[in-house]
């Protein structure tokens, strides 16, 4: 059982979006980590703005959480990413991008 963080979503909210998240990647072998913990880890980084390596040890390894973030953040042409769609669906309040992405936009204006 891990510590609860303010950025976490409820299990009920997660059950609504779990099929969408699980379908984002082919499952070639059984999953070894809880998607709920990985999703909450992504939300923690988005909300706090911390570096991936600073993700608290209550969450899965930062590399695993980051790998899911990359999968869920891929955008098709002129479409929102899966992560952006889900965050809107659950009415999550917080930034959709990491600070580094905002920084890139600001520098390339």
PDB file of N, CA and C in Angstrom:
ATOM      1  N   UNK A   1       0.852  -1.184   0.000  1.00  0.00           N
ATOM      2  CA  UNK A   1       0.000   0.000   0.000  1.00  0.00           C
ATOM      3  C   UNK A   1       0.891   1.238   0.000  1.00  0.00           C
ATOM      4  N   UNK A   2       0.665   2.121  -0.950  1.00  0.00           N
ATOM      5  CA  UNK A   2       1.494   3.314  -1.024  1.00  0.00           C
ATOM      6  C   UNK A   2       0.788   4.510  -0.408  1.00  0.00           C
ATOM      7  N   UNK A   3       1.571   5.523  -0.135  1.00  0.00           N
ATOM      8  CA  UNK A   3       1.056   6.769   0.417  1.00  0.00           C
ATOM      9  C   UNK A   3       0.143   7.443  -0.608  1.00  0.00           C
ATOM     10  N   UNK A   4      -0.864   8.135  -0.138  1.00  0.00           N
ATOM     11  CA  UNK A   4      -1.779   8.865  -1.032  1.00  0.00           C
ATOM     12  C   UNK A   4      -1.252  10.286  -1.230  1.00  0.00           C
ATOM     13  N   UNK A   5      -1.275  10.760  -2.480  1.00  0.00           N
ATOM     14  CA  UNK A   5      -0.788  12.098  -2.817  1.00  0.00           C
ATOM     15  C   UNK A   5      -1.949  12.956  -3.322  1.00  0.00           C
ATOM     16  N   UNK A   6      -1.845  14.279  -3.159  1.00  0.00           N
ATOM     17  CA  UNK A   6      -2.920  15.164  -3.626  1.00  0.00           C
ATOM     18  C   UNK A   6      -3.178  15.076  -5.137  1.00  0.00           C
ATOM     19  N   UNK A   7      -2.207  14.666  -5.900  1.00  0.00           N
ATOM     20  CA  UNK A   7      -2.372  14.564  -7.358  1.00  0.00           C
ATOM     21  C   UNK A   7      -3.092  13.291  -7.788  1.00  0.00           C
ATOM     22  N   UNK A   8      -3.268  12.338  -6.886  1.00  0.00           N
ATOM     23  CA  UNK A   8      -3.906  11.057  -7.227  1.00  0.00           C
ATOM     24  C   UNK A   8      -5.372  11.244  -7.619  1.00  0.00           C
ATOM     25  N   UNK A   9      -5.833  10.361  -8.489  1.00  0.00           N
ATOM     26  CA  UNK A   9      -7.256  10.280  -8.803  1.00  0.00           C
ATOM     27  C   UNK A   9      -7.831   9.124  -7.991  1.00  0.00           C
ATOM     28  N   UNK A  10      -9.133   9.103  -7.829  1.00  0.00           N
ATOM     29  CA  UNK A  10      -9.751   8.013  -7.084  1.00  0.00           C
ATOM     30  C   UNK A  10      -9.732   6.737  -7.930  1.00  0.00           C
ATOM     31  N   UNK A  11      -9.862   5.618  -7.265  1.00  0.00           N
ATOM     32  CA  UNK A  11      -9.917   4.332  -7.985  1.00  0.00           C
ATOM     33  C   UNK A  11     -11.146   4.276  -8.896  1.00  0.00           C
ATOM     34  N   UNK A  12     -12.247   4.902  -8.460  1.00  0.00           N
ATOM     35  CA  UNK A  12     -13.464   4.918  -9.266  1.00  0.00           C
ATOM     36  C   UNK A  12     -13.230   5.685 -10.577  1.00  0.00           C
ATOM     37  N   UNK A  13     -12.581   6.850 -10.480  1.00  0.00           N
ATOM     38  CA  UNK A  13     -12.255   7.612 -11.681  1.00  0.00           C
ATOM     39  C   UNK A  13     -11.341   6.807 -12.588  1.00  0.00           C
ATOM     40  N   UNK A  14     -10.380   6.126 -11.977  1.00  0.00           N
ATOM     41  CA  UNK A  14      -9.419   5.367 -12.766  1.00  0.00           C
ATOM     42  C   UNK A  14     -10.087   4.208 -13.499  1.00  0.00           C
ATOM     43  N   UNK A  15     -11.052   3.562 -12.863  1.00  0.00           N
ATOM     44  CA  UNK A  15     -11.731   2.427 -13.505  1.00  0.00           C
ATOM     45  C   UNK A  15     -12.434   2.848 -14.789  1.00  0.00           C
ATOM     46  N   UNK A  16     -12.869   4.125 -14.865  1.00  0.00           N
ATOM     47  CA  UNK A  16     -13.518   4.628 -16.077  1.00  0.00           C
ATOM     48  C   UNK A  16     -12.532   4.744 -17.246  1.00  0.00           C
ATOM     49  N   UNK A  17     -11.291   5.059 -16.941  1.00  0.00           N
ATOM     50  CA  UNK A  17     -10.301   5.309 -17.995  1.00  0.00           C
ATOM     51  C   UNK A  17      -9.315   4.163 -18.185  1.00  0.00           C
ATOM     52  N   UNK A  18      -9.353   3.189 -17.320  1.00  0.00           N
ATOM     53  CA  UNK A  18      -8.398   2.076 -17.380  1.00  0.00           C
ATOM     54  C   UNK A  18      -8.385   1.365 -18.734  1.00  0.00           C
ATOM     55  N   UNK A  19      -9.559   1.050 -19.326  1.00  0.00           N
ATOM     56  CA  UNK A  19      -9.515   0.361 -20.630  1.00  0.00           C
ATOM     57  C   UNK A  19      -8.816   1.185 -21.710  1.00  0.00           C
ATOM     58  N   UNK A  20      -8.983   2.496 -21.666  1.00  0.00           N
ATOM     59  CA  UNK A  20      -8.350   3.365 -22.657  1.00  0.00           C
ATOM     60  C   UNK A  20      -6.833   3.337 -22.485  1.00  0.00           C
ATOM     61  N   UNK A  21      -6.379   3.453 -21.241  1.00  0.00           N
ATOM     62  CA  UNK A  21      -4.937   3.446 -20.970  1.00  0.00           C
ATOM     63  C   UNK A  21      -4.319   2.093 -21.300  1.00  0.00           C
ATOM     64  N   UNK A  22      -5.015   1.035 -20.923  1.00  0.00           N
ATOM     65  CA  UNK A  22      -4.482  -0.313 -21.160  1.00  0.00           C
ATOM     66  C   UNK A  22      -4.386  -0.628 -22.647  1.00  0.00           C
ATOM     67  N   UNK A  23      -5.278  -0.053 -23.445  1.00  0.00           N
ATOM     68  CA  UNK A  23      -5.284  -0.318 -24.878  1.00  0.00           C
ATOM     69  C   UNK A  23      -4.288   0.513 -25.667  1.00  0.00           C
ATOM     70  N   UNK A  24      -3.564   1.385 -25.006  1.00  0.00           N
ATOM     71  CA  UNK A  24      -2.629   2.271 -25.698  1.00  0.00           C
ATOM     72  C   UNK A  24      -1.389   1.540 -26.185  1.00  0.00           C
ATOM     73  N   UNK A  25      -1.139   0.387 -25.639  1.00  0.00           N
ATOM     74  CA  UNK A  25       0.065  -0.346 -26.031  1.00  0.00           C
ATOM     75  C   UNK A  25      -0.264  -1.815 -26.118  1.00  0.00           C
ATOM     76  N   UNK A  26       0.349  -2.500 -27.068  1.00  0.00           N
ATOM     77  CA  UNK A  26       0.139  -3.937 -27.186  1.00  0.00           C
ATOM     78  C   UNK A  26       0.650  -4.627 -25.929  1.00  0.00           C
ATOM     79  N   UNK A  27      -0.131  -5.575 -25.462  1.00  0.00           N
ATOM     80  CA  UNK A  27       0.300  -6.324 -24.291  1.00  0.00           C
ATOM     81  C   UNK A  27       0.890  -7.644 -24.758  1.00  0.00           C
ATOM     82  N   UNK A  28       2.213  -7.709 -24.718  1.00  0.00           N
ATOM     83  CA  UNK A  28       2.890  -8.913 -25.191  1.00  0.00           C
ATOM     84  C   UNK A  28       3.181  -9.890 -24.060  1.00  0.00           C
ATOM     85  N   UNK A  29       3.160  -9.375 -22.851  1.00  0.00           N
ATOM     86  CA  UNK A  29       3.336 -10.235 -21.676  1.00  0.00           C
ATOM     87  C   UNK A  29       2.521  -9.636 -20.538  1.00  0.00           C
ATOM     88  N   UNK A  30       2.283 -10.400 -19.494  1.00  0.00           N
ATOM     89  CA  UNK A  30       1.491  -9.866 -18.383  1.00  0.00           C
ATOM     90  C   UNK A  30       2.161  -8.636 -17.753  1.00  0.00           C
ATOM     91  N   UNK A  31       1.334  -7.656 -17.408  1.00  0.00           N
ATOM     92  CA  UNK A  31       1.841  -6.439 -16.780  1.00  0.00           C
ATOM     93  C   UNK A  31       2.345  -6.746 -15.378  1.00  0.00           C
ATOM     94  N   UNK A  32       3.473  -6.166 -15.019  1.00  0.00           N
ATOM     95  CA  UNK A  32       4.030  -6.411 -13.687  1.00  0.00           C
ATOM     96  C   UNK A  32       3.794  -5.249 -12.733  1.00  0.00           C
ATOM     97  N   UNK A  33       3.335  -4.115 -13.268  1.00  0.00           N
ATOM     98  CA  UNK A  33       3.049  -2.998 -12.376  1.00  0.00           C
ATOM     99  C   UNK A  33       1.597  -2.578 -12.514  1.00  0.00           C
ATOM    100  N   UNK A  34       1.097  -1.959 -11.493  1.00  0.00           N
ATOM    101  CA  UNK A  34      -0.279  -1.513 -11.454  1.00  0.00           C
ATOM    102  C   UNK A  34      -0.413  -0.240 -12.290  1.00  0.00           C
ATOM    103  N   UNK A  35      -1.293  -0.251 -13.288  1.00  0.00           N
ATOM    104  CA  UNK A  35      -1.486   0.928 -14.136  1.00  0.00           C
ATOM    105  C   UNK A  35      -1.944   2.131 -13.315  1.00  0.00           C
ATOM    106  N   UNK A  36      -2.709   1.883 -12.270  1.00  0.00           N
ATOM    107  CA  UNK A  36      -3.164   2.976 -11.409  1.00  0.00           C
ATOM    108  C   UNK A  36      -1.967   3.711 -10.812  1.00  0.00           C
ATOM    109  N   UNK A  37      -1.007   2.962 -10.292  1.00  0.00           N
ATOM    110  CA  UNK A  37       0.188   3.577  -9.697  1.00  0.00           C
ATOM    111  C   UNK A  37       1.002   4.324 -10.754  1.00  0.00           C
ATOM    112  N   UNK A  38       1.113   3.752 -11.954  1.00  0.00           N
ATOM    113  CA  UNK A  38       1.858   4.426 -13.023  1.00  0.00           C
ATOM    114  C   UNK A  38       1.157   5.718 -13.430  1.00  0.00           C
ATOM    115  N   UNK A  39      -0.180   5.683 -13.564  1.00  0.00           N
ATOM    116  CA  UNK A  39      -0.934   6.867 -13.949  1.00  0.00           C
ATOM    117  C   UNK A  39      -0.830   7.942 -12.864  1.00  0.00           C
ATOM    118  N   UNK A  40      -0.939   7.549 -11.611  1.00  0.00           N
ATOM    119  CA  UNK A  40      -0.805   8.517 -10.524  1.00  0.00           C
ATOM    120  C   UNK A  40       0.612   9.078 -10.465  1.00  0.00           C
ATOM    121  N   UNK A  41       1.605   8.282 -10.833  1.00  0.00           N
ATOM    122  CA  UNK A  41       2.980   8.772 -10.909  1.00  0.00           C
ATOM    123  C   UNK A  41       3.127   9.848 -11.974  1.00  0.00           C
ATOM    124  N   UNK A  42       2.480   9.648 -13.116  1.00  0.00           N
ATOM    125  CA  UNK A  42       2.495  10.657 -14.183  1.00  0.00           C
ATOM    126  C   UNK A  42       1.829  11.936 -13.682  1.00  0.00           C
ATOM    127  N   UNK A  43       0.677  11.789 -13.024  1.00  0.00           N
ATOM    128  CA  UNK A  43      -0.020  12.959 -12.493  1.00  0.00           C
ATOM    129  C   UNK A  43       0.824  13.696 -11.457  1.00  0.00           C
ATOM    130  N   UNK A  44       1.559  12.949 -10.640  1.00  0.00           N
ATOM    131  CA  UNK A  44       2.417  13.566  -9.633  1.00  0.00           C
ATOM    132  C   UNK A  44       3.474  14.452 -10.298  1.00  0.00           C
ATOM    133  N   UNK A  45       4.113  13.937 -11.333  1.00  0.00           N
ATOM    134  CA  UNK A  45       5.154  14.709 -12.026  1.00  0.00           C
ATOM    135  C   UNK A  45       4.543  15.930 -12.716  1.00  0.00           C
ATOM    136  N   UNK A  46       3.389  15.748 -13.359  1.00  0.00           N
ATOM    137  CA  UNK A  46       2.742  16.875 -14.031  1.00  0.00           C
ATOM    138  C   UNK A  46       2.330  17.953 -13.030  1.00  0.00           C
ATOM    139  N   UNK A  47       1.791  17.529 -11.900  1.00  0.00           N
ATOM    140  CA  UNK A  47       1.299  18.488 -10.909  1.00  0.00           C
ATOM    141  C   UNK A  47       2.444  19.176 -10.174  1.00  0.00           C
ATOM    142  N   UNK A  48       3.451  18.408  -9.767  1.00  0.00           N
ATOM    143  CA  UNK A  48       4.531  18.968  -8.950  1.00  0.00           C
ATOM    144  C   UNK A  48       5.609  19.644  -9.793  1.00  0.00           C
ATOM    145  N   UNK A  49       5.767  19.194 -11.035  1.00  0.00           N
ATOM    146  CA  UNK A  49       6.815  19.744 -11.881  1.00  0.00           C
ATOM    147  C   UNK A  49       8.197  19.206 -11.543  1.00  0.00           C
ATOM    148  N   UNK A  50       8.246  18.137 -10.754  1.00  0.00           N
ATOM    149  CA  UNK A  50       9.550  17.579 -10.376  1.00  0.00           C
ATOM    150  C   UNK A  50      10.166  16.817 -11.543  1.00  0.00           C
ATOM    151  N   UNK A  51      11.422  16.499 -11.413  1.00  0.00           N
ATOM    152  CA  UNK A  51      12.099  15.693 -12.419  1.00  0.00           C
ATOM    153  C   UNK A  51      11.665  14.238 -12.256  1.00  0.00           C
ATOM    154  N   UNK A  52      11.737  13.498 -13.354  1.00  0.00           N
ATOM    155  CA  UNK A  52      11.322  12.097 -13.297  1.00  0.00           C
ATOM    156  C   UNK A  52      12.095  11.323 -12.243  1.00  0.00           C
ATOM    157  N   UNK A  53      13.373  11.589 -12.136  1.00  0.00           N
ATOM    158  CA  UNK A  53      14.199  10.845 -11.179  1.00  0.00           C
ATOM    159  C   UNK A  53      13.854  11.163  -9.731  1.00  0.00           C
ATOM    160  N   UNK A  54      13.105  12.244  -9.516  1.00  0.00           N
ATOM    161  CA  UNK A  54      12.725  12.638  -8.163  1.00  0.00           C
ATOM    162  C   UNK A  54      11.351  12.102  -7.776  1.00  0.00           C
ATOM    163  N   UNK A  55      10.782  11.241  -8.598  1.00  0.00           N
ATOM    164  CA  UNK A  55       9.491  10.627  -8.296  1.00  0.00           C
ATOM    165  C   UNK A  55       9.628   9.828  -6.995  1.00  0.00           C
ATOM    166  N   UNK A  56       8.732  10.038  -6.030  1.00  0.00           N
ATOM    167  CA  UNK A  56       8.854   9.318  -4.749  1.00  0.00           C
ATOM    168  C   UNK A  56       8.888   7.801  -4.949  1.00  0.00           C
ATOM    169  N   UNK A  57       9.555   7.137  -4.066  1.00  0.00           N
ATOM    170  CA  UNK A  57       9.740   5.690  -4.183  1.00  0.00           C
ATOM    171  C   UNK A  57       8.448   4.909  -3.957  1.00  0.00           C
ATOM    172  N   UNK A  58       7.378   5.580  -3.530  1.00  0.00           N
ATOM    173  CA  UNK A  58       6.080   4.911  -3.391  1.00  0.00           C
ATOM    174  C   UNK A  58       5.525   4.486  -4.744  1.00  0.00           C
ATOM    175  N   UNK A  59       5.907   5.196  -5.790  1.00  0.00           N
ATOM    176  CA  UNK A  59       5.440   4.898  -7.139  1.00  0.00           C
ATOM    177  C   UNK A  59       6.347   3.833  -7.761  1.00  0.00           C
ATOM    178  N   UNK A  60       5.918   3.271  -8.914  1.00  0.00           N
ATOM    179  CA  UNK A  60       6.828   2.362  -9.628  1.00  0.00           C
ATOM    180  C   UNK A  60       8.104   3.107 -10.022  1.00  0.00           C
ATOM    181  N   UNK A  61       9.087   2.370 -10.498  1.00  0.00           N
ATOM    182  CA  UNK A  61      10.351   2.995 -10.899  1.00  0.00           C
ATOM    183  C   UNK A  61      10.082   4.117 -11.892  1.00  0.00           C
ATOM    184  N   UNK A  62      10.863   5.190 -11.775  1.00  0.00           N
ATOM    185  CA  UNK A  62      10.615   6.376 -12.602  1.00  0.00           C
ATOM    186  C   UNK A  62      10.719   6.066 -14.082  1.00  0.00           C
ATOM    187  N   UNK A  63      11.595   5.150 -14.448  1.00  0.00           N
ATOM    188  CA  UNK A  63      11.750   4.812 -15.869  1.00  0.00           C
ATOM    189  C   UNK A  63      10.475   4.171 -16.424  1.00  0.00           C
ATOM    190  N   UNK A  64       9.829   3.346 -15.613  1.00  0.00           N
ATOM    191  CA  UNK A  64       8.582   2.709 -16.042  1.00  0.00           C
ATOM    192  C   UNK A  64       7.470   3.739 -16.181  1.00  0.00           C
ATOM    193  N   UNK A  65       7.363   4.626 -15.207  1.00  0.00           N
ATOM    194  CA  UNK A  65       6.336   5.667 -15.255  1.00  0.00           C
ATOM    195  C   UNK A  65       6.580   6.580 -16.453  1.00  0.00           C
ATOM    196  N   UNK A  66       7.825   6.931 -16.689  1.00  0.00           N
ATOM    197  CA  UNK A  66       8.167   7.793 -17.824  1.00  0.00           C
ATOM    198  C   UNK A  66       7.859   7.097 -19.150  1.00  0.00           C
ATOM    199  N   UNK A  67       8.097   5.806 -19.225  1.00  0.00           N
ATOM    200  CA  UNK A  67       7.803   5.053 -20.454  1.00  0.00           C
ATOM    201  C   UNK A  67       6.302   5.108 -20.756  1.00  0.00           C
ATOM    202  N   UNK A  68       5.473   4.938 -19.741  1.00  0.00           N
ATOM    203  CA  UNK A  68       4.026   5.051 -19.944  1.00  0.00           C
ATOM    204  C   UNK A  68       3.646   6.477 -20.337  1.00  0.00           C
ATOM    205  N   UNK A  69       4.274   7.466 -19.725  1.00  0.00           N
ATOM    206  CA  UNK A  69       4.022   8.860 -20.082  1.00  0.00           C
ATOM    207  C   UNK A  69       4.292   9.089 -21.565  1.00  0.00           C
ATOM    208  N   UNK A  70       5.395   8.553 -22.049  1.00  0.00           N
ATOM    209  CA  UNK A  70       5.742   8.727 -23.466  1.00  0.00           C
ATOM    210  C   UNK A  70       4.703   8.076 -24.378  1.00  0.00           C
ATOM    211  N   UNK A  71       4.245   6.895 -24.018  1.00  0.00           N
ATOM    212  CA  UNK A  71       3.240   6.191 -24.812  1.00  0.00           C
ATOM    213  C   UNK A  71       1.935   6.984 -24.830  1.00  0.00           C
ATOM    214  N   UNK A  72       1.499   7.419 -23.650  1.00  0.00           N
ATOM    215  CA  UNK A  72       0.225   8.114 -23.538  1.00  0.00           C
ATOM    216  C   UNK A  72       0.283   9.529 -24.110  1.00  0.00           C
ATOM    217  N   UNK A  73       1.470  10.110 -24.266  1.00  0.00           N
ATOM    218  CA  UNK A  73       1.614  11.486 -24.732  1.00  0.00           C
ATOM    219  C   UNK A  73       1.801  11.609 -26.242  1.00  0.00           C
ATOM    220  N   UNK A  74       1.930  10.503 -26.948  1.00  0.00           N
ATOM    221  CA  UNK A  74       2.124  10.577 -28.398  1.00  0.00           C
ATOM    222  C   UNK A  74       0.906  11.213 -29.044  1.00  0.00           C
ATOM    223  N   UNK A  75       1.187  12.126 -29.961  1.00  0.00           N
ATOM    224  CA  UNK A  75       0.112  12.835 -30.656  1.00  0.00           C
ATOM    225  C   UNK A  75       0.080  12.428 -32.126  1.00  0.00           C
ATOM    226  N   UNK A  76      -1.132  12.237 -32.609  1.00  0.00           N
ATOM    227  CA  UNK A  76      -1.318  12.074 -34.048  1.00  0.00           C
ATOM    228  C   UNK A  76      -1.481  13.480 -34.614  1.00  0.00           C
ATOM    229  N   UNK A  77      -1.403  13.606 -35.922  1.00  0.00           N
ATOM    230  CA  UNK A  77      -1.520  14.933 -36.535  1.00  0.00           C
ATOM    231  C   UNK A  77      -2.842  15.597 -36.174  1.00  0.00           C
ATOM    232  N   UNK A  78      -2.765  16.833 -35.717  1.00  0.00           N
ATOM    233  CA  UNK A  78      -3.925  17.660 -35.385  1.00  0.00           C
ATOM    234  C   UNK A  78      -4.875  17.015 -34.377  1.00  0.00           C
ATOM    235  N   UNK A  79      -4.365  16.184 -33.520  1.00  0.00           N
ATOM    236  CA  UNK A  79      -5.181  15.547 -32.492  1.00  0.00           C
ATOM    237  C   UNK A  79      -4.510  15.695 -31.141  1.00  0.00           C
ATOM    238  N   UNK A  80      -5.318  15.578 -30.101  1.00  0.00           N
ATOM    239  CA  UNK A  80      -4.771  15.595 -28.749  1.00  0.00           C
ATOM    240  C   UNK A  80      -4.176  14.226 -28.444  1.00  0.00           C
ATOM    241  N   UNK A  81      -3.242  14.208 -27.525  1.00  0.00           N
ATOM    242  CA  UNK A  81      -2.684  12.932 -27.104  1.00  0.00           C
ATOM    243  C   UNK A  81      -3.716  12.194 -26.254  1.00  0.00           C
ATOM    244  N   UNK A  82      -3.501  10.922 -26.077  1.00  0.00           N
ATOM    245  CA  UNK A  82      -4.364  10.102 -25.236  1.00  0.00           C
ATOM    246  C   UNK A  82      -4.394  10.664 -23.815  1.00  0.00           C
ATOM    247  N   UNK A  83      -3.248  11.089 -23.309  1.00  0.00           N
ATOM    248  CA  UNK A  83      -3.165  11.633 -21.960  1.00  0.00           C
ATOM    249  C   UNK A  83      -4.010  12.897 -21.832  1.00  0.00           C
ATOM    250  N   UNK A  84      -3.928  13.790 -22.794  1.00  0.00           N
ATOM    251  CA  UNK A  84      -4.727  15.020 -22.751  1.00  0.00           C
ATOM    252  C   UNK A  84      -6.219  14.705 -22.780  1.00  0.00           C
ATOM    253  N   UNK A  85      -6.627  13.753 -23.590  1.00  0.00           N
ATOM    254  CA  UNK A  85      -8.041  13.359 -23.664  1.00  0.00           C
ATOM    255  C   UNK A  85      -8.528  12.818 -22.322  1.00  0.00           C
ATOM    256  N   UNK A  86      -7.703  11.990 -21.704  1.00  0.00           N
ATOM    257  CA  UNK A  86      -8.083  11.377 -20.436  1.00  0.00           C
ATOM    258  C   UNK A  86      -8.138  12.416 -19.324  1.00  0.00           C
ATOM    259  N   UNK A  87      -7.185  13.309 -19.286  1.00  0.00           N
ATOM    260  CA  UNK A  87      -7.179  14.342 -18.243  1.00  0.00           C
ATOM    261  C   UNK A  87      -8.413  15.228 -18.356  1.00  0.00           C
ATOM    262  N   UNK A  88      -8.841  15.498 -19.570  1.00  0.00           N
ATOM    263  CA  UNK A  88     -10.079  16.269 -19.754  1.00  0.00           C
ATOM    264  C   UNK A  88     -11.289  15.450 -19.318  1.00  0.00           C
ATOM    265  N   UNK A  89     -11.275  14.172 -19.630  1.00  0.00           N
ATOM    266  CA  UNK A  89     -12.403  13.301 -19.298  1.00  0.00           C
ATOM    267  C   UNK A  89     -12.620  13.214 -17.788  1.00  0.00           C
ATOM    268  N   UNK A  90     -11.541  13.159 -17.032  1.00  0.00           N
ATOM    269  CA  UNK A  90     -11.679  13.058 -15.581  1.00  0.00           C
ATOM    270  C   UNK A  90     -11.690  14.422 -14.907  1.00  0.00           C
ATOM    271  N   UNK A  91     -11.653  15.483 -15.707  1.00  0.00           N
ATOM    272  CA  UNK A  91     -11.672  16.871 -15.201  1.00  0.00           C
ATOM    273  C   UNK A  91     -10.529  17.127 -14.224  1.00  0.00           C
ATOM    274  N   UNK A  92      -9.368  16.641 -14.578  1.00  0.00           N
ATOM    275  CA  UNK A  92      -8.182  16.820 -13.732  1.00  0.00           C
ATOM    276  C   UNK A  92      -7.699  18.246 -13.852  1.00  0.00           C
ATOM    277  N   UNK A  93      -7.427  18.862 -12.724  1.00  0.00           N
ATOM    278  CA  UNK A  93      -6.970  20.238 -12.726  1.00  0.00           C
ATOM    279  C   UNK A  93      -5.466  20.268 -12.529  1.00  0.00           C
ATOM    280  N   UNK A  94      -4.788  20.739 -13.529  1.00  0.00           N
ATOM    281  CA  UNK A  94      -3.339  20.825 -13.483  1.00  0.00           C
ATOM    282  C   UNK A  94      -2.816  20.971 -14.892  1.00  0.00           C
ATOM    283  N   UNK A  95      -1.536  21.176 -15.036  1.00  0.00           N
ATOM    284  CA  UNK A  95      -0.975  21.344 -16.377  1.00  0.00           C
ATOM    285  C   UNK A  95      -0.984  20.025 -17.144  1.00  0.00           C
ATOM    286  N   UNK A  96      -1.147  20.111 -18.462  1.00  0.00           N
ATOM    287  CA  UNK A  96      -1.099  18.923 -19.313  1.00  0.00           C
ATOM    288  C   UNK A  96       0.315  18.650 -19.795  1.00  0.00           C
ATOM    289  N   UNK A  97       1.201  19.630 -19.633  1.00  0.00           N
ATOM    290  CA  UNK A  97       2.564  19.474 -20.114  1.00  0.00           C
ATOM    291  C   UNK A  97       3.537  19.608 -18.957  1.00  0.00           C
ATOM    292  N   UNK A  98       4.691  19.050 -19.152  1.00  0.00           N
ATOM    293  CA  UNK A  98       5.762  19.250 -18.186  1.00  0.00           C
ATOM    294  C   UNK A  98       6.390  20.610 -18.430  1.00  0.00           C
ATOM    295  N   UNK A  99       7.091  21.119 -17.444  1.00  0.00           N
ATOM    296  CA  UNK A  99       7.725  22.420 -17.568  1.00  0.00           C
ATOM    297  C   UNK A  99       8.685  22.451 -18.758  1.00  0.00           C
ATOM    298  N   UNK A 100       9.414  21.378 -19.005  1.00  0.00           N
ATOM    299  CA  UNK A 100      10.372  21.366 -20.109  1.00  0.00           C
ATOM    300  C   UNK A 100       9.677  21.594 -21.454  1.00  0.00           C
ATOM    301  N   UNK A 101       8.433  21.108 -21.594  1.00  0.00           N
ATOM    302  CA  UNK A 101       7.698  21.325 -22.837  1.00  0.00           C
ATOM    303  C   UNK A 101       7.256  22.780 -22.960  1.00  0.00           C
ATOM    304  N   UNK A 102       6.836  23.392 -21.843  1.00  0.00           N
ATOM    305  CA  UNK A 102       6.494  24.815 -21.859  1.00  0.00           C
ATOM    306  C   UNK A 102       7.727  25.642 -22.206  1.00  0.00           C
ATOM    307  N   UNK A 103       8.843  25.269 -21.622  1.00  0.00           N
ATOM    308  CA  UNK A 103      10.105  25.983 -21.837  1.00  0.00           C
ATOM    309  C   UNK A 103      10.470  25.938 -23.325  1.00  0.00           C
ATOM    310  N   UNK A 104      10.325  24.767 -23.947  1.00  0.00           N
ATOM    311  CA  UNK A 104      10.616  24.639 -25.386  1.00  0.00           C
ATOM    312  C   UNK A 104       9.724  25.549 -26.214  1.00  0.00           C
ATOM    313  N   UNK A 105       8.441  25.616 -25.851  1.00  0.00           N
ATOM    314  CA  UNK A 105       7.522  26.491 -26.584  1.00  0.00           C
ATOM    315  C   UNK A 105       7.917  27.956 -26.429  1.00  0.00           C
ATOM    316  N   UNK A 106       8.308  28.335 -25.227  1.00  0.00           N
ATOM    317  CA  UNK A 106       8.687  29.722 -24.975  1.00  0.00           C
ATOM    318  C   UNK A 106       9.967  30.103 -25.730  1.00  0.00           C
ATOM    319  N   UNK A 107      10.913  29.187 -25.794  1.00  0.00           N
ATOM    320  CA  UNK A 107      12.178  29.476 -26.440  1.00  0.00           C
ATOM    321  C   UNK A 107      12.060  29.516 -27.961  1.00  0.00           C
ATOM    322  N   UNK A 108      11.084  28.811 -28.513  1.00  0.00           N
ATOM    323  CA  UNK A 108      10.965  28.723 -29.965  1.00  0.00           C
ATOM    324  C   UNK A 108       9.881  29.638 -30.540  1.00  0.00           C
ATOM    325  N   UNK A 109       9.446  30.608 -29.782  1.00  0.00           N
ATOM    326  CA  UNK A 109       8.439  31.570 -30.279  1.00  0.00           C
ATOM    327  C   UNK A 109       9.056  32.585 -31.197  1.00  0.00           C
TER     328      UNK A 109
END
